Amino acid sequence: MSPDAVIAALFVSQKGPYWGRSDIDAWDELRDARLYAGPYPVVAHPPCSRWCRLAGLVEARWGHKRGEDGGCFASALHSVRTWGGVLEHPAYSDAWRAYDLPAPRGDGWQRGICGGWSCHVEQSRYGHRAKKATWLYYHGEAPSPSLRWGRTPDNQSQALVSWCGNKTRSDESRPRLGHAEAIHSPVEFADMLIALARSARNSGAA
């Protein structure tokens, strides 16, 4: 495998689509992705529970403060800006406001004054059973315009990303996804992120 083809996958699980590939330098919780120091462009999946729309519930139920993630998001953002690549987080993540990232508007990429780009994409368009609306932050050469854009109404999703027992309509028949399936990245989605990271290789350090 040529070193030019390798990318680093940060904050990923050994059970996910990045592990065991010769073209991926994978970093899980035990390896501690906050220690990544290059040289490959990255795909970063920093933990989201302190930033997503359920963060208030997490704080109320377990006392974990919103935004206090041990520096994981800040580290992932630094890696993307330094080595090039892409960061993935739930749509409407509070981290976007905390780190002054460009919020996606409509379909396509939104350029920020930081030099990076953001977009809104749904993982259901890449094989996830639920809609799983996601925001991406990319830093590198101008990103590819060929993502599968579009926004699916919540009531048309095939399944619910919910393991918290929140209330739904009495006639709701869609299955609820457990935690493991809900957080899993479809292989096709991971491959798209890997391609984006490779396209950022020539961006150089921020």
N, C-alpha and C. Protein backbone atom coordinates (compact mmCIF):
# COMPACT_ATOMS: atom_id res chain seq x y z
N MET A 1 0.85 -1.20 0.00
CA MET A 1 0.00 0.00 0.00
C MET A 1 0.88 1.25 0.00
N SER A 2 0.67 2.11 -0.97
CA SER A 2 1.44 3.35 -1.04
C SER A 2 1.08 4.25 0.14
N PRO A 3 2.09 4.89 0.77
CA PRO A 3 1.78 5.83 1.86
C PRO A 3 0.86 6.95 1.42
N ASP A 4 0.88 7.29 0.14
CA ASP A 4 0.03 8.37 -0.36
C ASP A 4 -1.45 8.01 -0.34
N ALA A 5 -1.76 6.71 -0.20
CA ALA A 5 -3.15 6.27 -0.18
C ALA A 5 -3.70 6.13 1.23
N VAL A 6 -2.84 6.21 2.23
CA VAL A 6 -3.25 5.97 3.61
C VAL A 6 -3.92 7.21 4.19
N ILE A 7 -4.98 6.99 4.95
CA ILE A 7 -5.58 8.06 5.74
C ILE A 7 -5.72 7.55 7.18
N ALA A 8 -5.86 8.49 8.12
CA ALA A 8 -6.07 8.13 9.52
C ALA A 8 -7.55 8.27 9.86
N ALA A 9 -8.10 7.28 10.53
CA ALA A 9 -9.48 7.32 11.01
C ALA A 9 -9.44 7.49 12.52
N LEU A 10 -9.94 8.62 13.01
CA LEU A 10 -9.81 8.98 14.42
C LEU A 10 -11.14 8.80 15.15
N PHE A 11 -11.06 8.33 16.40
CA PHE A 11 -12.23 8.13 17.26
C PHE A 11 -13.19 7.11 16.63
N VAL A 12 -12.64 5.98 16.20
CA VAL A 12 -13.46 4.95 15.56
C VAL A 12 -13.44 3.67 16.39
N SER A 13 -14.38 2.78 16.10
CA SER A 13 -14.52 1.52 16.82
C SER A 13 -13.86 0.38 16.06
N GLN A 14 -13.36 -0.59 16.80
CA GLN A 14 -12.80 -1.78 16.17
C GLN A 14 -13.88 -2.59 15.45
N LYS A 15 -15.14 -2.33 15.76
CA LYS A 15 -16.23 -3.04 15.10
C LYS A 15 -16.75 -2.30 13.87
N GLY A 16 -16.19 -1.13 13.57
CA GLY A 16 -16.68 -0.31 12.48
C GLY A 16 -16.00 -0.60 11.15
N PRO A 17 -16.36 0.16 10.11
CA PRO A 17 -15.90 -0.13 8.75
C PRO A 17 -14.46 0.29 8.47
N TYR A 18 -13.80 0.96 9.40
CA TYR A 18 -12.44 1.42 9.15
C TYR A 18 -11.38 0.42 9.62
N TRP A 19 -11.77 -0.45 10.55
CA TRP A 19 -10.78 -1.28 11.22
C TRP A 19 -10.31 -2.42 10.33
N GLY A 20 -9.01 -2.74 10.42
CA GLY A 20 -8.47 -3.89 9.71
C GLY A 20 -8.13 -3.65 8.25
N ARG A 21 -8.18 -2.42 7.80
CA ARG A 21 -7.86 -2.09 6.40
C ARG A 21 -6.41 -1.63 6.30
N SER A 22 -5.72 -2.09 5.27
CA SER A 22 -4.31 -1.74 5.10
C SER A 22 -4.11 -0.28 4.73
N ASP A 23 -5.17 0.38 4.24
CA ASP A 23 -5.05 1.78 3.84
C ASP A 23 -5.54 2.74 4.92
N ILE A 24 -5.83 2.22 6.12
CA ILE A 24 -6.37 3.04 7.21
C ILE A 24 -5.48 2.90 8.45
N ASP A 25 -5.06 4.03 8.99
CA ASP A 25 -4.40 4.08 10.29
C ASP A 25 -5.49 4.42 11.31
N ALA A 26 -6.02 3.39 11.95
CA ALA A 26 -7.22 3.55 12.79
C ALA A 26 -6.85 3.80 14.25
N TRP A 27 -7.56 4.75 14.85
CA TRP A 27 -7.35 5.13 16.26
C TRP A 27 -8.66 4.97 17.02
N ASP A 28 -8.68 4.08 17.99
CA ASP A 28 -9.87 3.88 18.81
C ASP A 28 -9.66 4.54 20.18
N GLU A 29 -10.57 4.25 21.12
CA GLU A 29 -10.51 4.88 22.44
C GLU A 29 -9.23 4.50 23.18
N LEU A 30 -8.81 3.24 23.08
CA LEU A 30 -7.62 2.80 23.80
C LEU A 30 -6.35 3.45 23.25
N ARG A 31 -6.30 3.66 21.96
CA ARG A 31 -5.12 4.28 21.35
C ARG A 31 -5.11 5.79 21.60
N ASP A 32 -6.27 6.37 21.84
CA ASP A 32 -6.45 7.79 22.15
C ASP A 32 -6.13 8.68 20.96
N ALA A 33 -7.16 8.94 20.14
CA ALA A 33 -7.00 9.73 18.93
C ALA A 33 -6.58 11.17 19.20
N ARG A 34 -6.71 11.63 20.44
CA ARG A 34 -6.25 12.99 20.75
C ARG A 34 -4.74 13.12 20.61
N LEU A 35 -4.03 11.98 20.57
CA LEU A 35 -2.58 11.98 20.46
C LEU A 35 -2.10 11.94 19.01
N TYR A 36 -3.01 11.90 18.07
CA TYR A 36 -2.60 11.79 16.67
C TYR A 36 -1.75 12.99 16.26
N ALA A 37 -0.60 12.71 15.62
CA ALA A 37 0.33 13.77 15.23
C ALA A 37 0.75 13.64 13.76
N GLY A 38 -0.17 13.16 12.92
CA GLY A 38 0.12 13.07 11.51
C GLY A 38 0.80 11.75 11.14
N PRO A 39 1.20 11.64 9.87
CA PRO A 39 1.20 12.67 8.83
C PRO A 39 0.04 12.56 7.83
N TYR A 40 -0.89 11.63 8.06
CA TYR A 40 -1.92 11.35 7.05
C TYR A 40 -3.12 12.28 7.21
N PRO A 41 -3.83 12.56 6.11
CA PRO A 41 -5.12 13.25 6.24
C PRO A 41 -6.09 12.36 7.01
N VAL A 42 -7.13 12.96 7.57
CA VAL A 42 -7.94 12.23 8.54
C VAL A 42 -9.43 12.22 8.19
N VAL A 43 -10.08 11.17 8.67
CA VAL A 43 -11.53 11.12 8.85
C VAL A 43 -11.75 11.05 10.35
N ALA A 44 -12.44 12.03 10.91
CA ALA A 44 -12.60 12.11 12.36
C ALA A 44 -14.06 11.97 12.76
N HIS A 45 -14.31 11.09 13.73
CA HIS A 45 -15.64 10.86 14.29
C HIS A 45 -15.60 11.13 15.79
N PRO A 46 -15.35 12.37 16.24
CA PRO A 46 -15.26 12.62 17.68
C PRO A 46 -16.58 12.33 18.37
N PRO A 47 -16.54 11.91 19.64
CA PRO A 47 -17.77 11.61 20.38
C PRO A 47 -18.75 12.79 20.35
N CYS A 48 -20.03 12.47 20.28
CA CYS A 48 -21.03 13.52 20.07
C CYS A 48 -21.98 13.72 21.24
N SER A 49 -21.94 12.87 22.26
CA SER A 49 -22.98 12.90 23.29
C SER A 49 -23.01 14.21 24.08
N ARG A 50 -21.90 14.95 24.12
CA ARG A 50 -21.88 16.23 24.84
C ARG A 50 -22.28 17.41 23.94
N TRP A 51 -22.53 17.13 22.66
CA TRP A 51 -22.78 18.20 21.70
C TRP A 51 -24.10 18.07 20.95
N CYS A 52 -24.67 16.88 20.87
CA CYS A 52 -25.84 16.65 20.03
C CYS A 52 -27.11 17.18 20.70
N ARG A 53 -28.24 17.02 20.03
CA ARG A 53 -29.50 17.55 20.55
C ARG A 53 -29.99 16.79 21.78
N LEU A 54 -29.36 15.66 22.10
CA LEU A 54 -29.68 14.94 23.33
C LEU A 54 -28.76 15.33 24.48
N ALA A 55 -27.85 16.28 24.24
CA ALA A 55 -26.88 16.64 25.28
C ALA A 55 -27.56 17.16 26.54
N GLY A 56 -28.67 17.89 26.39
CA GLY A 56 -29.39 18.38 27.56
C GLY A 56 -29.95 17.24 28.38
N LEU A 57 -30.48 16.21 27.71
CA LEU A 57 -30.99 15.04 28.41
C LEU A 57 -29.87 14.32 29.13
N VAL A 58 -28.72 14.17 28.46
CA VAL A 58 -27.56 13.52 29.07
C VAL A 58 -27.12 14.27 30.32
N GLU A 59 -27.10 15.62 30.24
CA GLU A 59 -26.69 16.42 31.39
C GLU A 59 -27.69 16.28 32.54
N ALA A 60 -28.99 16.32 32.20
CA ALA A 60 -30.01 16.23 33.24
C ALA A 60 -30.04 14.85 33.91
N ARG A 61 -29.81 13.81 33.12
CA ARG A 61 -29.94 12.46 33.64
C ARG A 61 -28.67 11.98 34.33
N TRP A 62 -27.50 12.29 33.74
CA TRP A 62 -26.25 11.75 34.27
C TRP A 62 -25.26 12.82 34.74
N GLY A 63 -25.59 14.11 34.54
CA GLY A 63 -24.74 15.17 35.05
C GLY A 63 -23.54 15.52 34.20
N HIS A 64 -23.43 14.92 33.01
CA HIS A 64 -22.30 15.24 32.14
C HIS A 64 -22.57 16.58 31.46
N LYS A 65 -21.70 17.55 31.67
CA LYS A 65 -21.92 18.89 31.18
C LYS A 65 -21.81 18.96 29.66
N ARG A 66 -22.69 19.73 29.06
CA ARG A 66 -22.65 19.94 27.62
C ARG A 66 -21.33 20.56 27.20
N GLY A 67 -20.74 20.01 26.17
CA GLY A 67 -19.49 20.53 25.63
C GLY A 67 -18.24 20.00 26.30
N GLU A 68 -18.37 19.32 27.43
CA GLU A 68 -17.20 18.80 28.12
C GLU A 68 -16.92 17.37 27.65
N ASP A 69 -16.10 17.27 26.60
CA ASP A 69 -15.83 15.97 25.99
C ASP A 69 -14.36 15.56 26.12
N GLY A 70 -13.65 16.17 27.05
CA GLY A 70 -12.26 15.82 27.25
C GLY A 70 -11.34 16.31 26.14
N GLY A 71 -11.80 17.30 25.40
CA GLY A 71 -10.98 17.85 24.33
C GLY A 71 -11.02 17.07 23.03
N CYS A 72 -11.95 16.13 22.91
CA CYS A 72 -11.98 15.27 21.72
C CYS A 72 -12.33 16.07 20.45
N PHE A 73 -13.38 16.90 20.53
CA PHE A 73 -13.76 17.65 19.32
C PHE A 73 -12.66 18.62 18.93
N ALA A 74 -12.10 19.32 19.91
CA ALA A 74 -11.03 20.28 19.61
C ALA A 74 -9.84 19.58 18.97
N SER A 75 -9.50 18.40 19.46
CA SER A 75 -8.39 17.64 18.90
C SER A 75 -8.70 17.21 17.46
N ALA A 76 -9.92 16.71 17.23
CA ALA A 76 -10.30 16.28 15.88
C ALA A 76 -10.26 17.46 14.91
N LEU A 77 -10.76 18.60 15.34
CA LEU A 77 -10.76 19.78 14.49
C LEU A 77 -9.33 20.21 14.16
N HIS A 78 -8.46 20.17 15.16
CA HIS A 78 -7.05 20.51 14.93
C HIS A 78 -6.42 19.56 13.91
N SER A 79 -6.70 18.28 14.02
CA SER A 79 -6.13 17.30 13.09
C SER A 79 -6.61 17.55 11.66
N VAL A 80 -7.91 17.83 11.51
CA VAL A 80 -8.46 18.09 10.18
C VAL A 80 -7.82 19.34 9.57
N ARG A 81 -7.66 20.37 10.37
CA ARG A 81 -7.09 21.61 9.85
C ARG A 81 -5.59 21.50 9.60
N THR A 82 -4.92 20.66 10.35
CA THR A 82 -3.48 20.52 10.20
C THR A 82 -3.09 19.60 9.06
N TRP A 83 -3.77 18.46 8.99
CA TRP A 83 -3.39 17.43 8.03
C TRP A 83 -4.35 17.31 6.86
N GLY A 84 -5.45 18.05 6.89
CA GLY A 84 -6.48 17.92 5.87
C GLY A 84 -7.42 16.77 6.19
N GLY A 85 -8.63 16.83 5.66
CA GLY A 85 -9.57 15.74 5.87
C GLY A 85 -10.95 16.23 6.24
N VAL A 86 -11.71 15.37 6.90
CA VAL A 86 -13.12 15.64 7.15
C VAL A 86 -13.51 15.16 8.55
N LEU A 87 -14.36 15.93 9.20
CA LEU A 87 -14.89 15.62 10.52
C LEU A 87 -16.39 15.43 10.41
N GLU A 88 -16.91 14.41 11.09
CA GLU A 88 -18.34 14.07 11.04
C GLU A 88 -18.96 14.22 12.43
N HIS A 89 -20.17 14.84 12.48
CA HIS A 89 -20.88 15.02 13.74
C HIS A 89 -22.38 15.05 13.42
N PRO A 90 -23.24 14.84 14.42
CA PRO A 90 -24.68 14.92 14.17
C PRO A 90 -25.09 16.31 13.68
N ALA A 91 -26.08 16.36 12.81
CA ALA A 91 -26.59 17.65 12.36
C ALA A 91 -27.02 18.50 13.55
N TYR A 92 -26.78 19.79 13.45
CA TYR A 92 -27.13 20.78 14.47
C TYR A 92 -26.28 20.63 15.73
N SER A 93 -25.13 20.00 15.60
CA SER A 93 -24.22 19.86 16.74
C SER A 93 -23.87 21.23 17.31
N ASP A 94 -23.92 21.33 18.65
CA ASP A 94 -23.55 22.58 19.32
C ASP A 94 -22.07 22.92 19.13
N ALA A 95 -21.27 21.94 18.72
CA ALA A 95 -19.84 22.20 18.50
C ALA A 95 -19.63 23.19 17.37
N TRP A 96 -20.55 23.23 16.41
CA TRP A 96 -20.40 24.18 15.29
C TRP A 96 -20.40 25.62 15.81
N ARG A 97 -21.32 25.90 16.71
CA ARG A 97 -21.39 27.25 17.27
C ARG A 97 -20.22 27.51 18.22
N ALA A 98 -19.85 26.51 19.00
CA ALA A 98 -18.77 26.68 19.97
C ALA A 98 -17.43 26.97 19.29
N TYR A 99 -17.22 26.39 18.11
CA TYR A 99 -15.95 26.55 17.41
C TYR A 99 -16.09 27.43 16.16
N ASP A 100 -17.22 28.12 16.04
CA ASP A 100 -17.43 29.10 14.97
C ASP A 100 -17.21 28.50 13.59
N LEU A 101 -17.80 27.33 13.36
CA LEU A 101 -17.72 26.67 12.06
C LEU A 101 -18.89 27.11 11.19
N PRO A 102 -18.73 27.09 9.88
CA PRO A 102 -19.83 27.51 9.00
C PRO A 102 -20.99 26.52 9.06
N ALA A 103 -22.18 27.00 9.38
CA ALA A 103 -23.36 26.14 9.44
C ALA A 103 -23.88 25.87 8.04
N PRO A 104 -24.17 24.62 7.69
CA PRO A 104 -24.69 24.31 6.36
C PRO A 104 -26.02 25.02 6.10
N ARG A 105 -26.21 25.48 4.87
CA ARG A 105 -27.47 26.10 4.46
C ARG A 105 -27.87 25.48 3.13
N GLY A 106 -29.00 24.77 3.12
CA GLY A 106 -29.45 24.12 1.90
C GLY A 106 -28.54 22.96 1.52
N ASP A 107 -28.54 22.61 0.23
CA ASP A 107 -27.70 21.54 -0.26
C ASP A 107 -26.35 22.10 -0.71
N GLY A 108 -25.33 21.27 -0.67
CA GLY A 108 -24.02 21.67 -1.12
C GLY A 108 -23.13 22.13 0.02
N TRP A 109 -21.91 22.54 -0.33
CA TRP A 109 -20.91 22.93 0.64
C TRP A 109 -21.00 24.42 0.96
N GLN A 110 -20.83 24.75 2.24
CA GLN A 110 -20.83 26.13 2.71
C GLN A 110 -19.42 26.49 3.15
N ARG A 111 -18.81 27.49 2.50
CA ARG A 111 -17.45 27.91 2.83
C ARG A 111 -17.46 28.82 4.05
N GLY A 112 -16.47 28.66 4.92
CA GLY A 112 -16.34 29.51 6.10
C GLY A 112 -15.12 30.39 6.03
N ILE A 113 -15.08 31.44 6.81
CA ILE A 113 -13.92 32.33 6.82
C ILE A 113 -12.70 31.63 7.40
N CYS A 114 -12.91 30.49 8.06
CA CYS A 114 -11.82 29.69 8.61
C CYS A 114 -11.05 28.95 7.53
N GLY A 115 -11.57 28.95 6.30
CA GLY A 115 -10.93 28.21 5.23
C GLY A 115 -11.50 26.81 5.04
N GLY A 116 -12.39 26.38 5.93
CA GLY A 116 -13.01 25.07 5.81
C GLY A 116 -14.38 25.15 5.17
N TRP A 117 -14.97 23.98 4.96
CA TRP A 117 -16.27 23.85 4.31
C TRP A 117 -17.16 22.95 5.15
N SER A 118 -18.46 23.26 5.21
CA SER A 118 -19.42 22.41 5.91
C SER A 118 -20.55 22.00 4.97
N CYS A 119 -21.18 20.89 5.28
CA CYS A 119 -22.37 20.49 4.52
C CYS A 119 -23.25 19.60 5.38
N HIS A 120 -24.50 19.47 4.93
CA HIS A 120 -25.51 18.61 5.56
C HIS A 120 -25.73 17.41 4.64
N VAL A 121 -25.64 16.21 5.20
CA VAL A 121 -25.87 15.00 4.41
C VAL A 121 -26.57 13.98 5.31
N GLU A 122 -27.38 13.11 4.71
CA GLU A 122 -28.09 12.09 5.47
C GLU A 122 -27.49 10.72 5.20
N GLN A 123 -27.18 9.99 6.26
CA GLN A 123 -26.54 8.69 6.09
C GLN A 123 -27.50 7.64 5.53
N SER A 124 -28.79 7.90 5.58
CA SER A 124 -29.74 6.98 4.96
C SER A 124 -29.49 6.86 3.47
N ARG A 125 -28.94 7.90 2.86
CA ARG A 125 -28.65 7.89 1.43
C ARG A 125 -27.39 7.06 1.12
N TYR A 126 -26.76 6.58 2.18
CA TYR A 126 -25.57 5.72 2.03
C TYR A 126 -25.77 4.37 2.72
N GLY A 127 -27.02 4.03 3.03
CA GLY A 127 -27.30 2.69 3.52
C GLY A 127 -27.72 2.56 4.97
N HIS A 128 -27.76 3.66 5.73
CA HIS A 128 -28.22 3.57 7.13
C HIS A 128 -29.74 3.41 7.14
N ARG A 129 -30.26 2.63 8.08
CA ARG A 129 -31.71 2.39 8.13
C ARG A 129 -32.47 3.61 8.59
N ALA A 130 -31.85 4.47 9.36
CA ALA A 130 -32.49 5.71 9.80
C ALA A 130 -31.95 6.89 9.00
N LYS A 131 -32.63 8.02 9.09
CA LYS A 131 -32.18 9.19 8.33
C LYS A 131 -30.78 9.61 8.74
N LYS A 132 -30.53 9.73 10.01
CA LYS A 132 -29.24 10.08 10.59
C LYS A 132 -28.62 11.30 9.90
N ALA A 133 -29.28 12.43 10.07
CA ALA A 133 -28.78 13.68 9.51
C ALA A 133 -27.43 14.02 10.13
N THR A 134 -26.49 14.42 9.29
CA THR A 134 -25.10 14.57 9.70
C THR A 134 -24.53 15.86 9.13
N TRP A 135 -23.67 16.51 9.90
CA TRP A 135 -22.90 17.64 9.38
C TRP A 135 -21.45 17.22 9.22
N LEU A 136 -20.86 17.64 8.11
CA LEU A 136 -19.45 17.40 7.83
C LEU A 136 -18.70 18.72 7.82
N TYR A 137 -17.47 18.68 8.32
CA TYR A 137 -16.56 19.82 8.20
C TYR A 137 -15.32 19.33 7.48
N TYR A 138 -14.97 19.96 6.37
CA TYR A 138 -13.87 19.53 5.51
C TYR A 138 -12.84 20.63 5.40
N HIS A 139 -11.57 20.25 5.40
CA HIS A 139 -10.49 21.22 5.20
C HIS A 139 -9.50 20.63 4.20
N GLY A 140 -9.29 21.35 3.11
CA GLY A 140 -8.38 20.88 2.08
C GLY A 140 -8.69 21.55 0.76
N GLU A 141 -8.32 20.87 -0.34
CA GLU A 141 -8.70 21.36 -1.66
C GLU A 141 -10.22 21.43 -1.74
N ALA A 142 -10.73 22.20 -2.70
CA ALA A 142 -12.19 22.35 -2.83
C ALA A 142 -12.85 20.98 -2.84
N PRO A 143 -13.85 20.76 -1.98
CA PRO A 143 -14.44 19.43 -1.84
C PRO A 143 -15.26 19.01 -3.05
N SER A 144 -15.40 17.72 -3.20
CA SER A 144 -16.18 17.18 -4.30
C SER A 144 -17.64 17.61 -4.17
N PRO A 145 -18.29 17.96 -5.29
CA PRO A 145 -19.70 18.35 -5.24
C PRO A 145 -20.66 17.18 -5.37
N SER A 146 -20.13 15.94 -5.38
CA SER A 146 -20.94 14.81 -5.81
C SER A 146 -21.59 14.02 -4.67
N LEU A 147 -21.74 14.64 -3.49
CA LEU A 147 -22.42 13.94 -2.41
C LEU A 147 -23.91 13.82 -2.73
N ARG A 148 -24.60 12.95 -2.02
CA ARG A 148 -26.02 12.71 -2.27
C ARG A 148 -26.84 13.67 -1.42
N TRP A 149 -27.11 14.81 -2.00
CA TRP A 149 -27.78 15.87 -1.27
C TRP A 149 -29.27 15.56 -1.09
N GLY A 150 -29.90 16.29 -0.20
CA GLY A 150 -31.34 16.18 0.03
C GLY A 150 -31.65 16.03 1.50
N ARG A 151 -32.90 16.37 1.84
CA ARG A 151 -33.35 16.30 3.23
C ARG A 151 -34.67 15.55 3.27
N THR A 152 -34.70 14.46 4.01
CA THR A 152 -35.87 13.61 4.12
C THR A 152 -36.72 14.04 5.32
N PRO A 153 -38.02 14.23 5.15
CA PRO A 153 -38.87 14.54 6.32
C PRO A 153 -38.74 13.45 7.38
N ASP A 154 -38.77 13.85 8.64
CA ASP A 154 -38.58 12.89 9.73
C ASP A 154 -39.55 11.72 9.65
N ASN A 155 -40.79 11.99 9.24
CA ASN A 155 -41.78 10.92 9.24
C ASN A 155 -41.63 9.95 8.07
N GLN A 156 -40.63 10.18 7.20
CA GLN A 156 -40.38 9.27 6.09
C GLN A 156 -39.13 8.42 6.29
N SER A 157 -38.49 8.57 7.43
CA SER A 157 -37.32 7.76 7.72
C SER A 157 -37.75 6.31 7.94
N GLN A 158 -36.90 5.37 7.56
CA GLN A 158 -37.24 3.96 7.70
C GLN A 158 -37.24 3.48 9.15
N ALA A 159 -36.47 4.15 9.98
CA ALA A 159 -36.37 3.73 11.38
C ALA A 159 -36.06 4.95 12.24
N LEU A 160 -36.17 4.78 13.55
CA LEU A 160 -35.93 5.86 14.49
C LEU A 160 -34.57 5.67 15.16
N VAL A 161 -33.73 6.70 15.11
CA VAL A 161 -32.49 6.67 15.87
C VAL A 161 -32.83 7.10 17.28
N SER A 162 -33.22 6.16 18.09
CA SER A 162 -33.63 6.46 19.45
C SER A 162 -33.54 5.22 20.31
N TRP A 163 -32.81 5.33 21.40
CA TRP A 163 -32.77 4.26 22.39
C TRP A 163 -33.10 4.81 23.78
N CYS A 164 -33.69 6.03 23.78
CA CYS A 164 -33.96 6.70 25.05
C CYS A 164 -35.41 6.53 25.51
N GLY A 165 -36.25 5.89 24.69
CA GLY A 165 -37.63 5.70 25.08
C GLY A 165 -38.47 6.96 24.97
N ASN A 166 -38.05 7.92 24.13
CA ASN A 166 -38.84 9.14 24.01
C ASN A 166 -40.19 8.84 23.37
N LYS A 167 -41.15 9.69 23.63
CA LYS A 167 -42.51 9.44 23.19
C LYS A 167 -42.66 9.65 21.68
N THR A 168 -43.51 8.83 21.09
CA THR A 168 -43.85 8.96 19.68
C THR A 168 -45.36 8.83 19.54
N ARG A 169 -45.85 9.02 18.33
CA ARG A 169 -47.29 8.87 18.09
C ARG A 169 -47.73 7.44 18.39
N SER A 170 -48.97 7.29 18.78
CA SER A 170 -49.48 5.97 19.16
C SER A 170 -49.49 4.99 17.99
N ASP A 171 -49.56 5.51 16.76
CA ASP A 171 -49.60 4.62 15.60
C ASP A 171 -48.22 4.45 14.96
N GLU A 172 -47.17 4.85 15.66
CA GLU A 172 -45.82 4.73 15.12
C GLU A 172 -45.45 3.26 14.96
N SER A 173 -45.06 2.86 13.76
CA SER A 173 -44.72 1.47 13.50
C SER A 173 -43.27 1.25 13.11
N ARG A 174 -42.52 2.33 12.95
CA ARG A 174 -41.13 2.16 12.56
C ARG A 174 -40.31 1.56 13.69
N PRO A 175 -39.34 0.71 13.36
CA PRO A 175 -38.51 0.11 14.41
C PRO A 175 -37.58 1.15 15.04
N ARG A 176 -37.25 0.94 16.30
CA ARG A 176 -36.24 1.75 16.96
C ARG A 176 -34.88 1.05 16.81
N LEU A 177 -33.88 1.82 16.51
CA LEU A 177 -32.54 1.26 16.42
C LEU A 177 -31.87 1.28 17.79
N GLY A 178 -31.20 0.20 18.12
CA GLY A 178 -30.38 0.20 19.32
C GLY A 178 -29.16 1.08 19.15
N HIS A 179 -28.47 1.31 20.25
CA HIS A 179 -27.34 2.23 20.23
C HIS A 179 -26.27 1.81 19.23
N ALA A 180 -25.94 0.51 19.19
CA ALA A 180 -24.86 0.05 18.33
C ALA A 180 -25.16 0.32 16.86
N GLU A 181 -26.39 0.00 16.43
CA GLU A 181 -26.74 0.23 15.03
C GLU A 181 -26.88 1.71 14.73
N ALA A 182 -27.40 2.47 15.68
CA ALA A 182 -27.62 3.89 15.45
C ALA A 182 -26.31 4.64 15.20
N ILE A 183 -25.26 4.30 15.95
CA ILE A 183 -24.01 5.03 15.80
C ILE A 183 -23.12 4.47 14.69
N HIS A 184 -23.46 3.32 14.15
CA HIS A 184 -22.63 2.67 13.14
C HIS A 184 -22.65 3.46 11.83
N SER A 185 -21.48 3.61 11.20
CA SER A 185 -21.39 4.26 9.89
C SER A 185 -21.49 3.21 8.79
N PRO A 186 -22.41 3.36 7.84
CA PRO A 186 -22.47 2.42 6.73
C PRO A 186 -21.15 2.41 5.95
N VAL A 187 -20.80 1.27 5.38
CA VAL A 187 -19.55 1.15 4.64
C VAL A 187 -19.48 2.16 3.51
N GLU A 188 -20.58 2.36 2.80
CA GLU A 188 -20.58 3.29 1.68
C GLU A 188 -20.35 4.73 2.15
N PHE A 189 -20.88 5.07 3.32
CA PHE A 189 -20.66 6.40 3.87
C PHE A 189 -19.20 6.57 4.28
N ALA A 190 -18.64 5.56 4.94
CA ALA A 190 -17.24 5.62 5.33
C ALA A 190 -16.34 5.75 4.10
N ASP A 191 -16.66 5.02 3.04
CA ASP A 191 -15.86 5.11 1.82
C ASP A 191 -15.90 6.52 1.23
N MET A 192 -17.06 7.16 1.29
CA MET A 192 -17.18 8.53 0.79
C MET A 192 -16.29 9.47 1.62
N LEU A 193 -16.29 9.31 2.96
CA LEU A 193 -15.46 10.15 3.81
C LEU A 193 -13.97 9.90 3.55
N ILE A 194 -13.61 8.66 3.33
CA ILE A 194 -12.22 8.33 3.01
C ILE A 194 -11.79 9.02 1.71
N ALA A 195 -12.66 8.99 0.71
CA ALA A 195 -12.35 9.65 -0.56
C ALA A 195 -12.19 11.16 -0.36
N LEU A 196 -13.03 11.76 0.48
CA LEU A 196 -12.90 13.18 0.77
C LEU A 196 -11.56 13.47 1.43
N ALA A 197 -11.17 12.64 2.41
CA ALA A 197 -9.90 12.85 3.10
C ALA A 197 -8.73 12.74 2.13
N ARG A 198 -8.78 11.77 1.25
CA ARG A 198 -7.70 11.63 0.27
C ARG A 198 -7.63 12.86 -0.65
N SER A 199 -8.77 13.42 -0.98
CA SER A 199 -8.76 14.59 -1.86
C SER A 199 -8.16 15.81 -1.17
N ALA A 200 -8.06 15.77 0.17
CA ALA A 200 -7.51 16.90 0.93
C ALA A 200 -6.00 16.80 1.09
N ARG A 201 -5.40 15.75 0.59
CA ARG A 201 -3.99 15.45 0.88
C ARG A 201 -3.06 16.59 0.52
N ASN A 202 -3.35 17.33 -0.56
CA ASN A 202 -2.45 18.37 -1.02
C ASN A 202 -2.69 19.71 -0.37
N SER A 203 -3.54 19.73 0.66
CA SER A 203 -3.91 21.03 1.25
C SER A 203 -2.80 21.60 2.11
N GLY A 204 -1.97 20.75 2.70
CA GLY A 204 -0.92 21.23 3.59
C GLY A 204 -1.48 21.62 4.94
N ALA A 205 -0.62 22.03 5.82
CA ALA A 205 -1.03 22.42 7.17
C ALA A 205 -1.76 23.75 7.14
N ALA A 206 -2.74 23.90 8.07
CA ALA A 206 -3.50 25.15 8.15
C ALA A 206 -2.68 26.20 8.89
